[in-house]
């Protein structure tokens, strides 16, 4: 998984109506940079290792659209990347640290 993969997934979640998103505890904002630094992804200038846990707050039915055939996640799964999904009524996304 590379920075572009994570950016694409974040964009699909936003387009599905996500109100808040985080990756491995790092809040994603409109100004958040997601970059590769060798084999490690950097988010908010913090090095993040896989596995990646992406949390999103929003309507579960709308967000479930990220699993649609032909979507970016589907393309990633075709390349052997495994994703699991859980839904909960108790998800938190921490505020971005200043």
PDB file of N, CA and C in Angstrom:
ATOM      1  N   UNK A   1       0.855  -1.178   0.000  1.00  0.00           N
ATOM      2  CA  UNK A   1       0.000   0.000   0.000  1.00  0.00           C
ATOM      3  C   UNK A   1       0.893   1.230   0.000  1.00  0.00           C
ATOM      4  N   UNK A   2       0.601   2.132  -0.908  1.00  0.00           N
ATOM      5  CA  UNK A   2       1.396   3.350  -1.032  1.00  0.00           C
ATOM      6  C   UNK A   2       0.550   4.569  -0.693  1.00  0.00           C
ATOM      7  N   UNK A   3       1.210   5.720  -0.650  1.00  0.00           N
ATOM      8  CA  UNK A   3       0.511   6.962  -0.327  1.00  0.00           C
ATOM      9  C   UNK A   3      -0.644   7.230  -1.285  1.00  0.00           C
ATOM     10  N   UNK A   4      -0.447   6.965  -2.564  1.00  0.00           N
ATOM     11  CA  UNK A   4      -1.514   7.205  -3.542  1.00  0.00           C
ATOM     12  C   UNK A   4      -2.737   6.329  -3.258  1.00  0.00           C
ATOM     13  N   UNK A   5      -2.500   5.085  -2.827  1.00  0.00           N
ATOM     14  CA  UNK A   5      -3.618   4.200  -2.474  1.00  0.00           C
ATOM     15  C   UNK A   5      -4.432   4.808  -1.334  1.00  0.00           C
ATOM     16  N   UNK A   6      -3.740   5.280  -0.310  1.00  0.00           N
ATOM     17  CA  UNK A   6      -4.442   5.867   0.835  1.00  0.00           C
ATOM     18  C   UNK A   6      -5.173   7.144   0.446  1.00  0.00           C
ATOM     19  N   UNK A   7      -4.555   7.965  -0.396  1.00  0.00           N
ATOM     20  CA  UNK A   7      -5.227   9.192  -0.860  1.00  0.00           C
ATOM     21  C   UNK A   7      -6.490   8.852  -1.639  1.00  0.00           C
ATOM     22  N   UNK A   8      -6.409   7.853  -2.495  1.00  0.00           N
ATOM     23  CA  UNK A   8      -7.581   7.450  -3.279  1.00  0.00           C
ATOM     24  C   UNK A   8      -8.703   6.952  -2.360  1.00  0.00           C
ATOM     25  N   UNK A   9      -8.363   6.150  -1.365  1.00  0.00           N
ATOM     26  CA  UNK A   9      -9.378   5.644  -0.438  1.00  0.00           C
ATOM     27  C   UNK A   9      -9.993   6.775   0.376  1.00  0.00           C
ATOM     28  N   UNK A  10      -9.166   7.716   0.824  1.00  0.00           N
ATOM     29  CA  UNK A  10      -9.679   8.873   1.567  1.00  0.00           C
ATOM     30  C   UNK A  10     -10.645   9.666   0.687  1.00  0.00           C
ATOM     31  N   UNK A  11     -10.282   9.886  -0.572  1.00  0.00           N
ATOM     32  CA  UNK A  11     -11.159  10.619  -1.481  1.00  0.00           C
ATOM     33  C   UNK A  11     -12.479   9.889  -1.700  1.00  0.00           C
ATOM     34  N   UNK A  12     -12.427   8.566  -1.828  1.00  0.00           N
ATOM     35  CA  UNK A  12     -13.672   7.807  -2.001  1.00  0.00           C
ATOM     36  C   UNK A  12     -14.542   7.896  -0.748  1.00  0.00           C
ATOM     37  N   UNK A  13     -13.928   7.855   0.421  1.00  0.00           N
ATOM     38  CA  UNK A  13     -14.702   8.007   1.656  1.00  0.00           C
ATOM     39  C   UNK A  13     -15.330   9.390   1.740  1.00  0.00           C
ATOM     40  N   UNK A  14     -14.571  10.417   1.394  1.00  0.00           N
ATOM     41  CA  UNK A  14     -15.121  11.782   1.395  1.00  0.00           C
ATOM     42  C   UNK A  14     -16.289  11.882   0.427  1.00  0.00           C
ATOM     43  N   UNK A  15     -16.114  11.311  -0.767  1.00  0.00           N
ATOM     44  CA  UNK A  15     -17.177  11.353  -1.767  1.00  0.00           C
ATOM     45  C   UNK A  15     -18.403  10.543  -1.338  1.00  0.00           C
ATOM     46  N   UNK A  16     -18.203   9.593  -0.417  1.00  0.00           N
ATOM     47  CA  UNK A  16     -19.315   8.793   0.110  1.00  0.00           C
ATOM     48  C   UNK A  16     -19.972   9.456   1.313  1.00  0.00           C
ATOM     49  N   UNK A  17     -19.499  10.630   1.693  1.00  0.00           N
ATOM     50  CA  UNK A  17     -20.128  11.379   2.770  1.00  0.00           C
ATOM     51  C   UNK A  17     -19.475  11.257   4.132  1.00  0.00           C
ATOM     52  N   UNK A  18     -18.238  10.781   4.189  1.00  0.00           N
ATOM     53  CA  UNK A  18     -17.554  10.683   5.486  1.00  0.00           C
ATOM     54  C   UNK A  18     -17.428  12.065   6.111  1.00  0.00           C
ATOM     55  N   UNK A  19     -17.791  12.147   7.376  1.00  0.00           N
ATOM     56  CA  UNK A  19     -17.709  13.410   8.112  1.00  0.00           C
ATOM     57  C   UNK A  19     -16.358  13.580   8.792  1.00  0.00           C
ATOM     58  N   UNK A  20     -15.700  12.477   9.108  1.00  0.00           N
ATOM     59  CA  UNK A  20     -14.373  12.495   9.737  1.00  0.00           C
ATOM     60  C   UNK A  20     -13.657  11.199   9.343  1.00  0.00           C
ATOM     61  N   UNK A  21     -12.340  11.310   9.106  1.00  0.00           N
ATOM     62  CA  UNK A  21     -11.536  10.162   8.684  1.00  0.00           C
ATOM     63  C   UNK A  21     -10.210  10.197   9.436  1.00  0.00           C
ATOM     64  N   UNK A  22      -9.728   9.016   9.826  1.00  0.00           N
ATOM     65  CA  UNK A  22      -8.376   8.912  10.377  1.00  0.00           C
ATOM     66  C   UNK A  22      -7.713   7.657   9.827  1.00  0.00           C
ATOM     67  N   UNK A  23      -6.388   7.705   9.761  1.00  0.00           N
ATOM     68  CA  UNK A  23      -5.594   6.538   9.374  1.00  0.00           C
ATOM     69  C   UNK A  23      -4.597   6.306  10.492  1.00  0.00           C
ATOM     70  N   UNK A  24      -4.688   5.141  11.116  1.00  0.00           N
ATOM     71  CA  UNK A  24      -3.815   4.783  12.244  1.00  0.00           C
ATOM     72  C   UNK A  24      -3.751   5.899  13.280  1.00  0.00           C
ATOM     73  N   UNK A  25      -4.895   6.492  13.564  1.00  0.00           N
ATOM     74  CA  UNK A  25      -4.991   7.508  14.597  1.00  0.00           C
ATOM     75  C   UNK A  25      -4.680   8.928  14.149  1.00  0.00           C
ATOM     76  N   UNK A  26      -4.249   9.110  12.919  1.00  0.00           N
ATOM     77  CA  UNK A  26      -3.951  10.445  12.395  1.00  0.00           C
ATOM     78  C   UNK A  26      -5.176  11.002  11.679  1.00  0.00           C
ATOM     79  N   UNK A  27      -5.715  12.103  12.184  1.00  0.00           N
ATOM     80  CA  UNK A  27      -6.895  12.739  11.603  1.00  0.00           C
ATOM     81  C   UNK A  27      -6.568  13.269  10.212  1.00  0.00           C
ATOM     82  N   UNK A  28      -7.443  13.016   9.264  1.00  0.00           N
ATOM     83  CA  UNK A  28      -7.268  13.490   7.904  1.00  0.00           C
ATOM     84  C   UNK A  28      -8.105  14.755   7.730  1.00  0.00           C
ATOM     85  N   UNK A  29      -7.434  15.833   7.378  1.00  0.00           N
ATOM     86  CA  UNK A  29      -8.079  17.124   7.123  1.00  0.00           C
ATOM     87  C   UNK A  29      -7.815  17.502   5.663  1.00  0.00           C
ATOM     88  N   UNK A  30      -8.408  18.588   5.220  1.00  0.00           N
ATOM     89  CA  UNK A  30      -8.188  19.014   3.839  1.00  0.00           C
ATOM     90  C   UNK A  30      -6.733  19.397   3.595  1.00  0.00           C
ATOM     91  N   UNK A  31      -5.997  19.739   4.633  1.00  0.00           N
ATOM     92  CA  UNK A  31      -4.592  20.144   4.498  1.00  0.00           C
ATOM     93  C   UNK A  31      -3.607  19.019   4.815  1.00  0.00           C
ATOM     94  N   UNK A  32      -4.111  17.829   5.110  1.00  0.00           N
ATOM     95  CA  UNK A  32      -3.250  16.713   5.486  1.00  0.00           C
ATOM     96  C   UNK A  32      -2.445  16.218   4.295  1.00  0.00           C
ATOM     97  N   UNK A  33      -1.148  16.061   4.496  1.00  0.00           N
ATOM     98  CA  UNK A  33      -0.274  15.485   3.477  1.00  0.00           C
ATOM     99  C   UNK A  33      -0.093  14.001   3.772  1.00  0.00           C
ATOM    100  N   UNK A  34      -0.276  13.184   2.740  1.00  0.00           N
ATOM    101  CA  UNK A  34      -0.032  11.740   2.826  1.00  0.00           C
ATOM    102  C   UNK A  34       1.059  11.454   1.798  1.00  0.00           C
ATOM    103  N   UNK A  35       2.246  11.065   2.282  1.00  0.00           N
ATOM    104  CA  UNK A  35       3.399  10.853   1.402  1.00  0.00           C
ATOM    105  C   UNK A  35       4.106   9.559   1.757  1.00  0.00           C
ATOM    106  N   UNK A  36       4.856   9.037   0.782  1.00  0.00           N
ATOM    107  CA  UNK A  36       5.719   7.885   1.043  1.00  0.00           C
ATOM    108  C   UNK A  36       7.089   8.384   1.454  1.00  0.00           C
ATOM    109  N   UNK A  37       7.655   7.691   2.421  1.00  0.00           N
ATOM    110  CA  UNK A  37       9.012   7.958   2.856  1.00  0.00           C
ATOM    111  C   UNK A  37       9.712   6.608   2.889  1.00  0.00           C
ATOM    112  N   UNK A  38      10.206   6.181   1.734  1.00  0.00           N
ATOM    113  CA  UNK A  38      10.748   4.833   1.626  1.00  0.00           C
ATOM    114  C   UNK A  38       9.618   3.833   1.684  1.00  0.00           C
ATOM    115  N   UNK A  39       9.717   2.873   2.583  1.00  0.00           N
ATOM    116  CA  UNK A  39       8.679   1.853   2.726  1.00  0.00           C
ATOM    117  C   UNK A  39       7.619   2.257   3.752  1.00  0.00           C
ATOM    118  N   UNK A  40       7.712   3.494   4.240  1.00  0.00           N
ATOM    119  CA  UNK A  40       6.808   3.957   5.287  1.00  0.00           C
ATOM    120  C   UNK A  40       5.989   5.130   4.747  1.00  0.00           C
ATOM    121  N   UNK A  41       4.716   5.171   5.116  1.00  0.00           N
ATOM    122  CA  UNK A  41       3.856   6.282   4.731  1.00  0.00           C
ATOM    123  C   UNK A  41       3.905   7.326   5.838  1.00  0.00           C
ATOM    124  N   UNK A  42       3.975   8.596   5.453  1.00  0.00           N
ATOM    125  CA  UNK A  42       3.985   9.703   6.399  1.00  0.00           C
ATOM    126  C   UNK A  42       2.663  10.450   6.291  1.00  0.00           C
ATOM    127  N   UNK A  43       1.988  10.610   7.428  1.00  0.00           N
ATOM    128  CA  UNK A  43       0.737  11.358   7.505  1.00  0.00           C
ATOM    129  C   UNK A  43       0.894  12.379   8.622  1.00  0.00           C
ATOM    130  N   UNK A  44       0.618  13.638   8.311  1.00  0.00           N
ATOM    131  CA  UNK A  44       0.799  14.711   9.304  1.00  0.00           C
ATOM    132  C   UNK A  44       2.218  14.702   9.870  1.00  0.00           C
ATOM    133  N   UNK A  45       3.199  14.408   9.017  1.00  0.00           N
ATOM    134  CA  UNK A  45       4.618  14.337   9.397  1.00  0.00           C
ATOM    135  C   UNK A  45       4.918  13.251  10.426  1.00  0.00           C
ATOM    136  N   UNK A  46       4.012  12.268  10.548  1.00  0.00           N
ATOM    137  CA  UNK A  46       4.207  11.126  11.442  1.00  0.00           C
ATOM    138  C   UNK A  46       4.353   9.878  10.576  1.00  0.00           C
ATOM    139  N   UNK A  47       5.390   9.090  10.820  1.00  0.00           N
ATOM    140  CA  UNK A  47       5.582   7.852  10.064  1.00  0.00           C
ATOM    141  C   UNK A  47       4.576   6.807  10.528  1.00  0.00           C
ATOM    142  N   UNK A  48       3.881   6.225   9.563  1.00  0.00           N
ATOM    143  CA  UNK A  48       2.825   5.250   9.829  1.00  0.00           C
ATOM    144  C   UNK A  48       3.193   3.945   9.133  1.00  0.00           C
ATOM    145  N   UNK A  49       3.179   2.855   9.873  1.00  0.00           N
ATOM    146  CA  UNK A  49       3.461   1.535   9.300  1.00  0.00           C
ATOM    147  C   UNK A  49       2.164   0.779   9.060  1.00  0.00           C
ATOM    148  N   UNK A  50       2.228  -0.191   8.163  1.00  0.00           N
ATOM    149  CA  UNK A  50       1.078  -1.065   7.952  1.00  0.00           C
ATOM    150  C   UNK A  50       1.039  -2.089   9.093  1.00  0.00           C
ATOM    151  N   UNK A  51      -0.084  -2.659   9.396  1.00  0.00           N
ATOM    152  CA  UNK A  51      -1.345  -2.535   8.667  1.00  0.00           C
ATOM    153  C   UNK A  51      -1.983  -1.173   8.947  1.00  0.00           C
ATOM    154  N   UNK A  52      -2.791  -0.720   7.980  1.00  0.00           N
ATOM    155  CA  UNK A  52      -3.457   0.567   8.094  1.00  0.00           C
ATOM    156  C   UNK A  52      -4.881   0.375   8.577  1.00  0.00           C
ATOM    157  N   UNK A  53      -5.242   1.129   9.600  1.00  0.00           N
ATOM    158  CA  UNK A  53      -6.612   1.122  10.102  1.00  0.00           C
ATOM    159  C   UNK A  53      -7.223   2.473   9.733  1.00  0.00           C
ATOM    160  N   UNK A  54      -8.194   2.415   8.858  1.00  0.00           N
ATOM    161  CA  UNK A  54      -8.878   3.624   8.429  1.00  0.00           C
ATOM    162  C   UNK A  54     -10.223   3.670   9.129  1.00  0.00           C
ATOM    163  N   UNK A  55     -10.472   4.768   9.829  1.00  0.00           N
ATOM    164  CA  UNK A  55     -11.751   4.972  10.507  1.00  0.00           C
ATOM    165  C   UNK A  55     -12.478   6.117   9.824  1.00  0.00           C
ATOM    166  N   UNK A  56     -13.779   5.943   9.662  1.00  0.00           N
ATOM    167  CA  UNK A  56     -14.582   7.000   9.045  1.00  0.00           C
ATOM    168  C   UNK A  56     -15.904   7.094   9.785  1.00  0.00           C
ATOM    169  N   UNK A  57     -16.351   8.315   9.994  1.00  0.00           N
ATOM    170  CA  UNK A  57     -17.641   8.565  10.626  1.00  0.00           C
ATOM    171  C   UNK A  57     -18.586   9.070   9.544  1.00  0.00           C
ATOM    172  N   UNK A  58     -19.744   8.451   9.473  1.00  0.00           N
ATOM    173  CA  UNK A  58     -20.752   8.844   8.498  1.00  0.00           C
ATOM    174  C   UNK A  58     -21.837   7.794   8.419  1.00  0.00           C
ATOM    175  N   UNK A  59     -22.725   7.974   7.466  1.00  0.00           N
ATOM    176  CA  UNK A  59     -23.820   7.034   7.253  1.00  0.00           C
ATOM    177  C   UNK A  59     -23.253   5.696   6.782  1.00  0.00           C
ATOM    178  N   UNK A  60     -23.549   4.625   7.516  1.00  0.00           N
ATOM    179  CA  UNK A  60     -22.971   3.314   7.224  1.00  0.00           C
ATOM    180  C   UNK A  60     -23.345   2.830   5.825  1.00  0.00           C
ATOM    181  N   UNK A  61     -24.523   3.148   5.359  1.00  0.00           N
ATOM    182  CA  UNK A  61     -24.937   2.698   4.031  1.00  0.00           C
ATOM    183  C   UNK A  61     -24.194   3.464   2.939  1.00  0.00           C
ATOM    184  N   UNK A  62     -24.007   4.750   3.137  1.00  0.00           N
ATOM    185  CA  UNK A  62     -23.257   5.548   2.156  1.00  0.00           C
ATOM    186  C   UNK A  62     -21.791   5.149   2.137  1.00  0.00           C
ATOM    187  N   UNK A  63     -21.199   4.999   3.323  1.00  0.00           N
ATOM    188  CA  UNK A  63     -19.780   4.645   3.395  1.00  0.00           C
ATOM    189  C   UNK A  63     -19.526   3.244   2.862  1.00  0.00           C
ATOM    190  N   UNK A  64     -20.518   2.373   2.972  1.00  0.00           N
ATOM    191  CA  UNK A  64     -20.384   1.013   2.452  1.00  0.00           C
ATOM    192  C   UNK A  64     -20.167   0.982   0.950  1.00  0.00           C
ATOM    193  N   UNK A  65     -20.476   2.095   0.269  1.00  0.00           N
ATOM    194  CA  UNK A  65     -20.264   2.174  -1.170  1.00  0.00           C
ATOM    195  C   UNK A  65     -18.811   2.066  -1.571  1.00  0.00           C
ATOM    196  N   UNK A  66     -17.910   2.254  -0.625  1.00  0.00           N
ATOM    197  CA  UNK A  66     -16.480   2.131  -0.948  1.00  0.00           C
ATOM    198  C   UNK A  66     -16.148   0.702  -1.379  1.00  0.00           C
ATOM    199  N   UNK A  67     -17.000  -0.248  -1.022  1.00  0.00           N
ATOM    200  CA  UNK A  67     -16.770  -1.653  -1.380  1.00  0.00           C
ATOM    201  C   UNK A  67     -17.360  -2.011  -2.746  1.00  0.00           C
ATOM    202  N   UNK A  68     -17.873  -1.023  -3.478  1.00  0.00           N
ATOM    203  CA  UNK A  68     -18.562  -1.302  -4.736  1.00  0.00           C
ATOM    204  C   UNK A  68     -17.620  -1.893  -5.788  1.00  0.00           C
ATOM    205  N   UNK A  69     -18.156  -2.753  -6.650  1.00  0.00           N
ATOM    206  CA  UNK A  69     -17.350  -3.292  -7.749  1.00  0.00           C
ATOM    207  C   UNK A  69     -16.855  -2.150  -8.645  1.00  0.00           C
ATOM    208  N   UNK A  70     -15.595  -2.198  -9.022  1.00  0.00           N
ATOM    209  CA  UNK A  70     -15.020  -1.184  -9.882  1.00  0.00           C
ATOM    210  C   UNK A  70     -14.442  -0.001  -9.128  1.00  0.00           C
ATOM    211  N   UNK A  71     -14.686   0.080  -7.816  1.00  0.00           N
ATOM    212  CA  UNK A  71     -14.113   1.148  -7.011  1.00  0.00           C
ATOM    213  C   UNK A  71     -12.639   0.905  -6.755  1.00  0.00           C
ATOM    214  N   UNK A  72     -11.978   1.883  -6.165  1.00  0.00           N
ATOM    215  CA  UNK A  72     -10.539   1.771  -5.940  1.00  0.00           C
ATOM    216  C   UNK A  72     -10.203   0.613  -4.999  1.00  0.00           C
ATOM    217  N   UNK A  73     -11.013   0.415  -3.977  1.00  0.00           N
ATOM    218  CA  UNK A  73     -10.750  -0.695  -3.055  1.00  0.00           C
ATOM    219  C   UNK A  73     -10.852  -2.028  -3.788  1.00  0.00           C
ATOM    220  N   UNK A  74     -11.814  -2.139  -4.690  1.00  0.00           N
ATOM    221  CA  UNK A  74     -11.958  -3.348  -5.490  1.00  0.00           C
ATOM    222  C   UNK A  74     -10.699  -3.597  -6.323  1.00  0.00           C
ATOM    223  N   UNK A  75     -10.151  -2.533  -6.890  1.00  0.00           N
ATOM    224  CA  UNK A  75      -8.909  -2.662  -7.670  1.00  0.00           C
ATOM    225  C   UNK A  75      -7.755  -3.113  -6.785  1.00  0.00           C
ATOM    226  N   UNK A  76      -7.694  -2.580  -5.570  1.00  0.00           N
ATOM    227  CA  UNK A  76      -6.641  -2.987  -4.637  1.00  0.00           C
ATOM    228  C   UNK A  76      -6.789  -4.461  -4.260  1.00  0.00           C
ATOM    229  N   UNK A  77      -8.026  -4.883  -4.033  1.00  0.00           N
ATOM    230  CA  UNK A  77      -8.261  -6.285  -3.682  1.00  0.00           C
ATOM    231  C   UNK A  77      -7.872  -7.207  -4.835  1.00  0.00           C
ATOM    232  N   UNK A  78      -8.074  -6.739  -6.066  1.00  0.00           N
ATOM    233  CA  UNK A  78      -7.642  -7.524  -7.232  1.00  0.00           C
ATOM    234  C   UNK A  78      -6.130  -7.713  -7.248  1.00  0.00           C
ATOM    235  N   UNK A  79      -5.412  -6.794  -6.601  1.00  0.00           N
ATOM    236  CA  UNK A  79      -3.951  -6.874  -6.504  1.00  0.00           C
ATOM    237  C   UNK A  79      -3.503  -7.655  -5.266  1.00  0.00           C
ATOM    238  N   UNK A  80      -4.446  -8.219  -4.503  1.00  0.00           N
ATOM    239  CA  UNK A  80      -4.108  -9.042  -3.355  1.00  0.00           C
ATOM    240  C   UNK A  80      -4.121  -8.334  -2.013  1.00  0.00           C
ATOM    241  N   UNK A  81      -4.545  -7.076  -1.982  1.00  0.00           N
ATOM    242  CA  UNK A  81      -4.625  -6.345  -0.718  1.00  0.00           C
ATOM    243  C   UNK A  81      -5.940  -6.696  -0.046  1.00  0.00           C
ATOM    244  N   UNK A  82      -5.872  -7.117   1.197  1.00  0.00           N
ATOM    245  CA  UNK A  82      -7.054  -7.578   1.926  1.00  0.00           C
ATOM    246  C   UNK A  82      -7.575  -6.457   2.815  1.00  0.00           C
ATOM    247  N   UNK A  83      -8.879  -6.222   2.740  1.00  0.00           N
ATOM    248  CA  UNK A  83      -9.521  -5.209   3.581  1.00  0.00           C
ATOM    249  C   UNK A  83     -10.686  -5.850   4.318  1.00  0.00           C
ATOM    250  N   UNK A  84     -10.840  -5.502   5.580  1.00  0.00           N
ATOM    251  CA  UNK A  84     -11.990  -5.953   6.353  1.00  0.00           C
ATOM    252  C   UNK A  84     -12.750  -4.722   6.824  1.00  0.00           C
ATOM    253  N   UNK A  85     -14.042  -4.882   7.040  1.00  0.00           N
ATOM    254  CA  UNK A  85     -14.895  -3.766   7.427  1.00  0.00           C
ATOM    255  C   UNK A  85     -15.686  -4.124   8.666  1.00  0.00           C
ATOM    256  N   UNK A  86     -15.792  -3.180   9.545  1.00  0.00           N
ATOM    257  CA  UNK A  86     -16.631  -3.305  10.729  1.00  0.00           C
ATOM    258  C   UNK A  86     -17.436  -2.023  10.826  1.00  0.00           C
ATOM    259  N   UNK A  87     -18.640  -2.130  11.328  1.00  0.00           N
ATOM    260  CA  UNK A  87     -19.404  -0.913  11.601  1.00  0.00           C
ATOM    261  C   UNK A  87     -19.696  -0.867  13.088  1.00  0.00           C
ATOM    262  N   UNK A  88     -19.822   0.346  13.591  1.00  0.00           N
ATOM    263  CA  UNK A  88     -20.042   0.541  15.012  1.00  0.00           C
ATOM    264  C   UNK A  88     -20.785   1.851  15.222  1.00  0.00           C
ATOM    265  N   UNK A  89     -21.534   1.906  16.290  1.00  0.00           N
ATOM    266  CA  UNK A  89     -22.183   3.151  16.671  1.00  0.00           C
ATOM    267  C   UNK A  89     -21.299   3.955  17.618  1.00  0.00           C
ATOM    268  N   UNK A  90     -20.074   3.475  17.857  1.00  0.00           N
ATOM    269  CA  UNK A  90     -19.195   4.118  18.821  1.00  0.00           C
ATOM    270  C   UNK A  90     -17.785   4.260  18.243  1.00  0.00           C
ATOM    271  N   UNK A  91     -17.650   5.039  17.168  1.00  0.00           N
ATOM    272  CA  UNK A  91     -16.342   5.296  16.566  1.00  0.00           C
ATOM    273  C   UNK A  91     -15.939   6.718  16.869  1.00  0.00           C
ATOM    274  N   UNK A  92     -14.678   6.887  17.235  1.00  0.00           N
ATOM    275  CA  UNK A  92     -14.167   8.232  17.458  1.00  0.00           C
ATOM    276  C   UNK A  92     -12.998   8.480  16.520  1.00  0.00           C
ATOM    277  N   UNK A  93     -12.863   9.715  16.121  1.00  0.00           N
ATOM    278  CA  UNK A  93     -11.724  10.176  15.326  1.00  0.00           C
ATOM    279  C   UNK A  93     -11.152  11.353  16.086  1.00  0.00           C
ATOM    280  N   UNK A  94      -9.928  11.189  16.535  1.00  0.00           N
ATOM    281  CA  UNK A  94      -9.306  12.230  17.365  1.00  0.00           C
ATOM    282  C   UNK A  94      -9.121  13.519  16.586  1.00  0.00           C
ATOM    283  N   UNK A  95      -9.107  14.633  17.298  1.00  0.00           N
ATOM    284  CA  UNK A  95      -8.812  15.918  16.675  1.00  0.00           C
ATOM    285  C   UNK A  95      -7.364  15.914  16.222  1.00  0.00           C
ATOM    286  N   UNK A  96      -7.092  16.675  15.165  1.00  0.00           N
ATOM    287  CA  UNK A  96      -5.720  16.799  14.697  1.00  0.00           C
ATOM    288  C   UNK A  96      -4.919  17.583  15.724  1.00  0.00           C
ATOM    289  N   UNK A  97      -3.748  17.058  16.059  1.00  0.00           N
ATOM    290  CA  UNK A  97      -2.864  17.726  17.013  1.00  0.00           C
ATOM    291  C   UNK A  97      -2.202  18.902  16.320  1.00  0.00           C
ATOM    292  N   UNK A  98      -2.085  19.999  17.039  1.00  0.00           N
ATOM    293  CA  UNK A  98      -1.470  21.221  16.487  1.00  0.00           C
ATOM    294  C   UNK A  98       0.024  21.152  16.573  1.00  0.00           C
TER     295      UNK A  98
END
